[in-house]
Structure formats: C-alpha cells, structure tokens
Amino acid sequence: MNTPTIRTQLRCAAALALLPVLALTACGSGGTPGTTPAGAQASPAPTDDPVAAVRKVDSAAALLPADVRKAGTLRIGSSVGFPPGAYYPNGPGKAPAGQDIDIADAVAKVLGVKPARQDASFETILPALGSGKFDVGTGNFGVTTQRLKTVDFVTYINDGQGFAVKKGNTTLKKKVTDLKQLCGLTIGTGAGTTFETTLTAQKDVCAKAGKKPYEVKVYSENAATLTALQQGRIDVIMSTINGLRYQAAQPAAQTTFLGEYHRLDVGFAFRKNSPLTKAFQAAVDVLIKDGTYARILEKWGTSASAIDASQINPPEHR
C-alpha cells in the first residue's frame, strides 16, 4: 500500500498535463504509461470557489469522536487522477482540484477540522482504511454489495458506469445496455474498479450467447488507457459516467460517450464500523441544505448526479 514514488508521480503528472484522463484509477505505482496522444490537453480548473464561505456547524462537529476533534485533522487517502472528480490542473506539487476535492474540503470545514490529504493509487485506498493508515478515502468509490462487506460508505453523489469509444468509431453505434454488445471487442478499464469487477463477473455472457468473448485489458495509469484507445489496441473504455462525459466534451480527446450503463451511489469510504460516518453524513446534509453542494456540482458540470440526502451504507443499485 505504498503511495506513488516521486518518479511515478512526475511521470503521471506529465501525462495528466497533456490529456483529459479517462479511467477511474489514479496515478500510482505499478504501471507504465504509453505514449501520450498528440494534441490532447487537460482542462483548466474553474475559478469560482463555493467552499470559501463554508463555516463550522457545531451540531455536525459534535458527532466527531473526541480524539479526532482534539487532533483537528482528518487523514484522507485521495486518488487524484482525472476531471471532474480530482486532478492536478497545474501539475504535481500544486493544489489538486475537482468535485471530490471541493466536497471533501467543504465537509472538513463543516466539521471544524483540516484535511490532511495524501495521494494514493485507487486500488490501495480501501485496504489502507482497514489498516488505519487513513481515516477516510476519496476517489469516486462506488457503493457495491461486495465492498459493503469490508468498508463503510457515506454517500455524496450518484455516478456509475459508462462506455466511450474513439470518435468516429462505428463498431458501437448506440448506448451499451447489455454486455453482449461488447462480444468480440477489447475493453480497457481501471485496476481495482467496479468496472473490472463487472466485466470479470459477466465474462461468460458471450459464450452463452454463442458469440466470441470480449477481452478485458486493465490499466493502472490513465495515460495508458487513452493511448491504447487512440492507437486501436482497445475498442472501448468502461469508466465513470461523469468522467467519460466530461472527457468527451473536450475536443482534443477525440472520444464519444456511449451513455450510462449502471448507476451507483458514490461515497466517502471508511473502515468498517468507523465512528466517523454519522458526522460525515450530517456534514454532507448541511451542504445540501445550505446550497453549497449544488454550487459545487454546478461548478464541475455534474448537477445531474446530485442526491437529495446522504446515506450510510445504502444497498447497491440494481
């Protein structure tokens, strides 16, 4: 569960500075990016700051455990990789930006504590919660039945799974509603994600239909995923709805979003039976009621994913 090495961070940052990233994974150790597609550029962060006016709310802060209130900090394991969730618009060593960053910072302000954010690769964060390395994890973690066995969640948005292809690719001409539409194709996705789990769990659907199976290629770094798509080594990407929609809106990326496949609640992640969940739920609800939440989502273009109230450990969407 190591955080990215300096060498890897610099390599990832160089890629992120050049492209709108596709996959759900964050830059971390254990992967090698491919050649960055020419002409792709990362989007600058919006300049408005809806978090600036957020103040401590005593009723929510009182729900924090005494030791956390005394420490005055929250150790956040943060997967930083792609807009609109979390990315580095100005390169490594600079402040991260994104919807997840804003919501986490706003929650911390409501609770009267400071976020102590530490970068970590996506697939290492949930195990690290159990070891006590982090108090909370962020990284667009979808709430699934399997994850609920070992992790607690406090929801803050509704996102989910979708698909994208290279612009001009007519292999898939419509929204993917059934994985049998992918038979015979090669799908790229992120390591340790719900997408990998979904594709692996249903890998026999094509054989049952008498069709050629699809192939899954898993990437630990975002630059490699986009490069593979642009070079034709994969036919389609499975990733977050909001991430793929945002990415497709960037002309330089040259991708087409194929719509939603499966919605998932997304939440802050905690070790099982964490005493922090009620405080986080109360803080998210404060932000929803006072309008800060809506302004954050509007800033990042994700208003369609808004929730009406935060939940602790809701069942997975079916």
Protein backbone atom coordinates (compact mmCIF):
# COMPACT_ATOMS: atom_id res chain seq x y z
CA MET A 1 0.00 0.00 0.00
CA ASN A 2 2.74 2.42 -0.92
CA THR A 3 1.96 5.90 -2.15
CA PRO A 4 3.33 6.75 -5.61
CA THR A 5 7.06 7.13 -5.93
CA ILE A 6 8.46 10.53 -6.92
CA ARG A 7 9.44 9.15 -10.29
CA THR A 8 5.95 7.77 -10.91
CA GLN A 9 4.28 10.97 -9.72
CA LEU A 10 6.31 13.04 -12.15
CA ARG A 11 5.61 10.66 -14.99
CA CYS A 12 1.88 10.70 -14.24
CA ALA A 13 1.80 14.44 -13.87
CA ALA A 14 3.39 14.90 -17.26
CA ALA A 15 0.71 12.73 -18.80
CA LEU A 16 -2.09 14.45 -16.91
CA ALA A 17 -0.88 17.80 -18.08
CA LEU A 18 -1.41 16.66 -21.64
CA LEU A 19 -4.67 14.77 -21.65
CA PRO A 20 -8.19 14.62 -20.25
CA VAL A 21 -8.00 11.34 -18.40
CA LEU A 22 -10.45 8.55 -18.90
CA ALA A 23 -10.15 5.79 -16.38
CA LEU A 24 -11.26 5.71 -12.78
CA THR A 25 -7.83 4.77 -11.48
CA ALA A 26 -5.42 7.35 -10.11
CA CYS A 27 -1.76 7.74 -10.99
CA GLY A 28 0.13 5.35 -8.76
CA SER A 29 2.89 2.81 -8.56
CA GLY A 30 2.87 -0.30 -10.66
CA GLY A 31 2.09 0.90 -14.17
CA THR A 32 3.79 2.22 -17.25
CA PRO A 33 2.01 4.83 -19.36
CA GLY A 34 2.04 4.66 -23.10
CA THR A 35 2.82 7.49 -25.48
CA THR A 36 0.55 10.46 -24.90
CA PRO A 37 -1.71 11.19 -27.87
CA ALA A 38 -0.68 14.35 -29.67
CA GLY A 39 -2.87 17.41 -29.20
CA ALA A 40 -4.67 16.32 -26.05
CA GLN A 41 -4.72 18.84 -23.20
CA ALA A 42 -6.01 18.90 -19.65
CA SER A 43 -8.74 21.39 -18.84
CA PRO A 44 -8.01 24.30 -16.50
CA ALA A 45 -9.91 24.28 -13.22
CA PRO A 46 -12.94 26.58 -12.86
CA THR A 47 -12.08 29.66 -10.82
CA ASP A 48 -15.19 30.03 -8.65
CA ASP A 49 -14.88 28.83 -5.04
CA PRO A 50 -18.17 27.75 -3.41
CA VAL A 51 -16.21 26.23 -0.49
CA ALA A 52 -14.80 29.60 0.68
CA ALA A 53 -17.95 30.61 2.54
CA VAL A 54 -18.45 27.30 4.39
CA ARG A 55 -18.27 27.55 8.18
CA LYS A 56 -18.18 25.08 11.06
CA VAL A 57 -21.55 23.72 12.16
CA ASP A 58 -21.40 22.75 15.83
CA SER A 59 -24.17 20.14 15.69
CA ALA A 60 -22.33 18.20 12.98
CA ALA A 61 -18.89 18.69 14.54
CA ALA A 62 -20.17 17.32 17.85
CA LEU A 63 -20.69 13.95 16.15
CA LEU A 64 -16.94 13.51 15.60
CA PRO A 65 -15.08 11.23 18.02
CA ALA A 66 -13.29 13.17 20.75
CA ASP A 67 -9.83 12.13 19.52
CA VAL A 68 -10.50 13.48 16.04
CA ARG A 69 -11.84 16.76 17.41
CA LYS A 70 -8.73 17.06 19.58
CA ALA A 71 -6.36 16.28 16.69
CA GLY A 72 -8.18 18.75 14.45
CA THR A 73 -7.29 16.86 11.26
CA LEU A 74 -8.66 14.13 9.03
CA ARG A 75 -6.23 11.83 7.24
CA ILE A 76 -7.62 11.50 3.72
CA GLY A 77 -6.37 8.88 1.28
CA SER A 78 -7.04 10.61 -2.03
CA SER A 79 -7.00 9.13 -5.52
CA VAL A 80 -6.17 12.09 -7.76
CA GLY A 81 -6.30 11.43 -11.46
CA PHE A 82 -8.94 12.93 -13.72
CA PRO A 83 -11.54 15.69 -14.01
CA PRO A 84 -14.20 16.35 -12.90
CA GLY A 85 -13.51 14.21 -9.82
CA ALA A 86 -9.93 15.06 -8.80
CA TYR A 87 -6.88 16.03 -10.83
CA TYR A 88 -3.85 18.32 -10.94
CA PRO A 89 -4.67 21.14 -13.39
CA ASN A 90 -1.31 22.81 -12.75
CA GLY A 91 0.93 19.76 -12.32
CA PRO A 92 2.45 18.00 -9.29
CA GLY A 93 3.27 19.97 -6.21
CA LYS A 94 0.30 22.26 -6.88
CA ALA A 95 -3.13 22.07 -5.30
CA PRO A 96 -5.48 19.38 -6.66
CA ALA A 97 -8.88 20.42 -7.97
CA GLY A 98 -12.16 18.72 -8.71
CA GLN A 99 -15.58 17.84 -7.40
CA ASP A 100 -14.25 15.31 -4.84
CA ILE A 101 -11.68 17.81 -3.58
CA ASP A 102 -14.29 20.54 -3.10
CA ILE A 103 -16.80 18.29 -1.35
CA ALA A 104 -14.19 16.82 0.99
CA ASP A 105 -12.84 20.28 1.83
CA ALA A 106 -16.36 21.58 2.46
CA VAL A 107 -17.19 18.65 4.75
CA ALA A 108 -13.97 19.24 6.72
CA LYS A 109 -14.91 22.91 7.19
CA VAL A 110 -18.40 22.00 8.43
CA LEU A 111 -16.78 19.61 10.92
CA GLY A 112 -14.20 22.17 12.02
CA VAL A 113 -11.15 20.08 11.07
CA LYS A 114 -8.42 20.35 8.46
CA PRO A 115 -7.99 17.77 5.69
CA ALA A 116 -4.56 16.11 5.68
CA ARG A 117 -4.66 14.77 2.14
CA GLN A 118 -2.26 12.06 0.95
CA ASP A 119 -2.15 10.82 -2.63
CA ALA A 120 -2.64 7.09 -3.05
CA SER A 121 -3.34 4.83 -6.00
CA PHE A 122 -7.02 3.95 -6.30
CA GLU A 123 -6.67 0.23 -5.65
CA THR A 124 -4.68 0.71 -2.40
CA ILE A 125 -7.03 3.06 -0.55
CA LEU A 126 -9.76 0.68 0.63
CA PRO A 127 -7.29 -1.87 2.09
CA ALA A 128 -5.40 1.00 3.76
CA LEU A 129 -8.55 2.07 5.61
CA GLY A 130 -8.65 -1.24 7.42
CA SER A 131 -5.02 -0.88 8.49
CA GLY A 132 -5.69 2.55 9.98
CA LYS A 133 -3.44 4.43 7.55
CA PHE A 134 -6.29 6.77 6.54
CA ASP A 135 -9.42 7.98 8.33
CA VAL A 136 -11.34 8.32 5.08
CA GLY A 137 -10.83 7.55 1.40
CA THR A 138 -11.93 9.53 -1.65
CA GLY A 139 -11.70 8.55 -5.29
CA ASN A 140 -15.20 8.19 -6.75
CA PHE A 141 -15.73 4.93 -4.86
CA GLY A 142 -18.96 3.29 -5.94
CA VAL A 143 -21.09 1.58 -3.29
CA THR A 144 -21.32 -2.12 -4.12
CA THR A 145 -22.54 -5.18 -2.25
CA GLN A 146 -19.05 -6.65 -2.24
CA ARG A 147 -17.39 -3.50 -0.89
CA LEU A 148 -20.00 -3.12 1.84
CA LYS A 149 -18.71 -6.35 3.39
CA THR A 150 -15.47 -4.65 4.41
CA VAL A 151 -15.98 -0.88 4.06
CA ASP A 152 -18.50 1.70 5.28
CA PHE A 153 -19.74 4.45 2.96
CA VAL A 154 -21.30 7.88 3.35
CA THR A 155 -22.79 8.90 0.02
CA TYR A 156 -22.34 12.30 -1.62
CA ILE A 157 -23.18 11.80 -5.31
CA ASN A 158 -24.76 9.38 -7.76
CA ASP A 159 -22.45 8.42 -10.63
CA GLY A 160 -21.84 4.98 -12.09
CA GLN A 161 -20.60 3.04 -15.09
CA GLY A 162 -20.50 4.04 -18.74
CA PHE A 163 -18.65 3.46 -22.01
CA ALA A 164 -16.75 5.55 -24.55
CA VAL A 165 -15.12 4.91 -27.92
CA LYS A 166 -12.70 6.77 -30.13
CA LYS A 167 -14.50 9.46 -32.10
CA GLY A 168 -15.55 8.14 -35.48
CA ASN A 169 -15.56 4.51 -34.35
CA THR A 170 -18.78 2.93 -35.62
CA THR A 171 -18.28 -0.51 -34.05
CA LEU A 172 -20.66 0.54 -31.28
CA LYS A 173 -23.27 2.92 -32.66
CA LYS A 174 -25.61 3.20 -29.68
CA LYS A 175 -25.79 3.17 -25.90
CA VAL A 176 -24.45 -0.01 -24.29
CA THR A 177 -27.28 -1.59 -22.30
CA ASP A 178 -26.13 -5.22 -22.46
CA LEU A 179 -22.58 -6.55 -22.21
CA LYS A 180 -23.34 -8.89 -25.12
CA GLN A 181 -22.99 -5.80 -27.30
CA LEU A 182 -19.27 -5.95 -26.45
CA CYS A 183 -18.72 -9.52 -27.63
CA GLY A 184 -15.60 -9.79 -29.77
CA LEU A 185 -14.28 -6.40 -28.64
CA THR A 186 -11.39 -5.41 -26.40
CA ILE A 187 -12.35 -3.29 -23.39
CA GLY A 188 -9.95 -1.10 -21.41
CA THR A 189 -10.65 -0.24 -17.80
CA GLY A 190 -9.01 0.66 -14.48
CA ALA A 191 -7.40 -1.70 -11.98
CA GLY A 192 -9.36 -2.41 -8.82
CA THR A 193 -12.53 -0.70 -10.07
CA THR A 194 -16.18 -1.70 -10.19
CA PHE A 195 -15.78 -1.79 -13.96
CA GLU A 196 -13.16 -4.54 -13.79
CA THR A 197 -15.36 -6.44 -11.34
CA THR A 198 -18.46 -6.14 -13.55
CA LEU A 199 -16.64 -7.25 -16.70
CA THR A 200 -14.97 -10.17 -14.95
CA ALA A 201 -18.16 -11.36 -13.26
CA GLN A 202 -20.02 -11.48 -16.58
CA LYS A 203 -17.21 -12.73 -18.80
CA ASP A 204 -19.25 -15.79 -19.84
CA VAL A 205 -22.23 -13.87 -21.30
CA CYS A 206 -20.83 -14.01 -24.82
CA ALA A 207 -20.11 -17.74 -24.76
CA LYS A 208 -23.65 -18.38 -23.52
CA ALA A 209 -24.94 -16.35 -26.46
CA GLY A 210 -22.75 -18.29 -28.89
CA LYS A 211 -20.54 -15.26 -29.57
CA LYS A 212 -16.83 -14.55 -29.35
CA PRO A 213 -15.89 -13.43 -25.81
CA TYR A 214 -14.82 -9.89 -25.10
CA GLU A 215 -11.30 -9.27 -23.84
CA VAL A 216 -10.53 -7.03 -20.86
CA LYS A 217 -7.30 -5.05 -20.56
CA VAL A 218 -6.64 -3.43 -17.19
CA TYR A 219 -4.54 -0.29 -16.78
CA SER A 220 -3.07 1.19 -13.62
CA GLU A 221 -2.37 4.58 -15.18
CA ASN A 222 -4.71 6.87 -17.07
CA ALA A 223 -2.39 7.92 -19.89
CA ALA A 224 -2.00 4.29 -20.94
CA THR A 225 -5.77 3.83 -21.23
CA LEU A 226 -6.32 6.76 -23.57
CA THR A 227 -3.24 5.90 -25.60
CA ALA A 228 -4.48 2.33 -26.05
CA LEU A 229 -7.83 3.63 -27.32
CA GLN A 230 -6.28 6.13 -29.73
CA GLN A 231 -3.82 3.55 -31.08
CA GLY A 232 -6.54 0.94 -31.60
CA ARG A 233 -5.26 -1.55 -29.03
CA ILE A 234 -8.64 -1.40 -27.29
CA ASP A 235 -12.04 -0.75 -28.85
CA VAL A 236 -13.93 0.76 -25.93
CA ILE A 237 -13.35 2.13 -22.43
CA MET A 238 -15.53 1.41 -19.41
CA SER A 239 -15.26 4.09 -16.72
CA THR A 240 -17.25 6.64 -14.73
CA ILE A 241 -20.30 8.30 -16.26
CA ASN A 242 -19.22 11.78 -15.19
CA GLY A 243 -15.59 11.26 -16.12
CA LEU A 244 -16.36 9.96 -19.61
CA ARG A 245 -19.00 12.63 -20.24
CA TYR A 246 -16.60 15.37 -19.14
CA GLN A 247 -13.78 13.92 -21.21
CA ALA A 248 -15.90 13.62 -24.36
CA ALA A 249 -16.72 17.33 -24.09
CA GLN A 250 -13.02 18.16 -24.55
CA PRO A 251 -12.44 18.39 -28.35
CA ALA A 252 -8.79 17.34 -28.16
CA ALA A 253 -9.65 13.98 -26.56
CA GLN A 254 -11.50 12.75 -29.67
CA THR A 255 -13.80 10.35 -27.80
CA THR A 256 -17.55 9.72 -27.89
CA PHE A 257 -19.55 8.94 -24.75
CA LEU A 258 -21.91 5.99 -25.23
CA GLY A 259 -24.19 6.69 -22.30
CA GLU A 260 -24.92 5.24 -18.90
CA TYR A 261 -24.77 1.51 -18.25
CA HIS A 262 -25.31 1.20 -14.49
CA ARG A 263 -25.81 3.86 -11.83
CA LEU A 264 -24.01 3.64 -8.49
CA ASP A 265 -24.05 5.72 -5.35
CA VAL A 266 -20.60 7.18 -4.67
CA GLY A 267 -19.34 7.88 -1.20
CA PHE A 268 -16.60 8.64 1.25
CA ALA A 269 -15.08 5.32 2.30
CA PHE A 270 -14.26 4.29 5.89
CA ARG A 271 -13.08 1.20 7.71
CA LYS A 272 -15.96 -1.00 8.84
CA ASN A 273 -17.83 0.35 11.88
CA SER A 274 -15.99 3.66 11.72
CA PRO A 275 -17.22 6.25 14.27
CA LEU A 276 -16.85 8.96 11.61
CA THR A 277 -19.79 8.05 9.40
CA LYS A 278 -22.55 9.92 11.27
CA ALA A 279 -20.53 13.13 11.35
CA PHE A 280 -19.80 12.92 7.61
CA GLN A 281 -23.44 12.19 6.80
CA ALA A 282 -24.53 15.20 8.85
CA ALA A 283 -21.94 17.42 7.14
CA VAL A 284 -22.99 16.39 3.64
CA ASP A 285 -26.63 17.07 4.54
CA VAL A 286 -25.66 20.53 5.84
CA LEU A 287 -24.04 21.29 2.48
CA ILE A 288 -27.08 20.02 0.58
CA LYS A 289 -29.48 22.14 2.64
CA ASP A 290 -27.47 25.37 2.52
CA GLY A 291 -26.91 25.21 -1.25
CA THR A 292 -23.12 24.74 -1.18
CA TYR A 293 -23.46 21.22 -2.56
CA ALA A 294 -25.49 22.37 -5.57
CA ARG A 295 -22.95 25.11 -6.31
CA ILE A 296 -20.06 22.62 -6.22
CA LEU A 297 -21.80 20.28 -8.65
CA GLU A 298 -22.73 23.18 -10.93
CA LYS A 299 -19.08 24.27 -10.93
CA TRP A 300 -17.97 20.85 -12.19
CA GLY A 301 -20.88 20.17 -14.51
CA THR A 302 -22.23 17.23 -12.52
CA SER A 303 -25.59 18.57 -11.34
CA ALA A 304 -27.39 15.61 -12.93
CA SER A 305 -25.68 13.39 -10.33
CA ALA A 306 -26.99 15.27 -7.28
CA ILE A 307 -28.52 13.39 -4.36
CA ASP A 308 -31.28 14.67 -2.05
CA ALA A 309 -29.73 13.40 1.19
CA SER A 310 -26.64 11.49 2.26
CA GLN A 311 -26.94 7.84 3.27
CA ILE A 312 -24.77 5.47 5.28
CA ASN A 313 -24.25 2.12 3.56
CA PRO A 314 -27.22 2.11 1.14
CA PRO A 315 -27.73 -1.09 -0.85
CA GLU A 316 -26.20 -1.26 -4.30
CA HIS A 317 -28.43 -0.07 -7.14
CA ARG A 318 -29.98 -2.90 -9.14
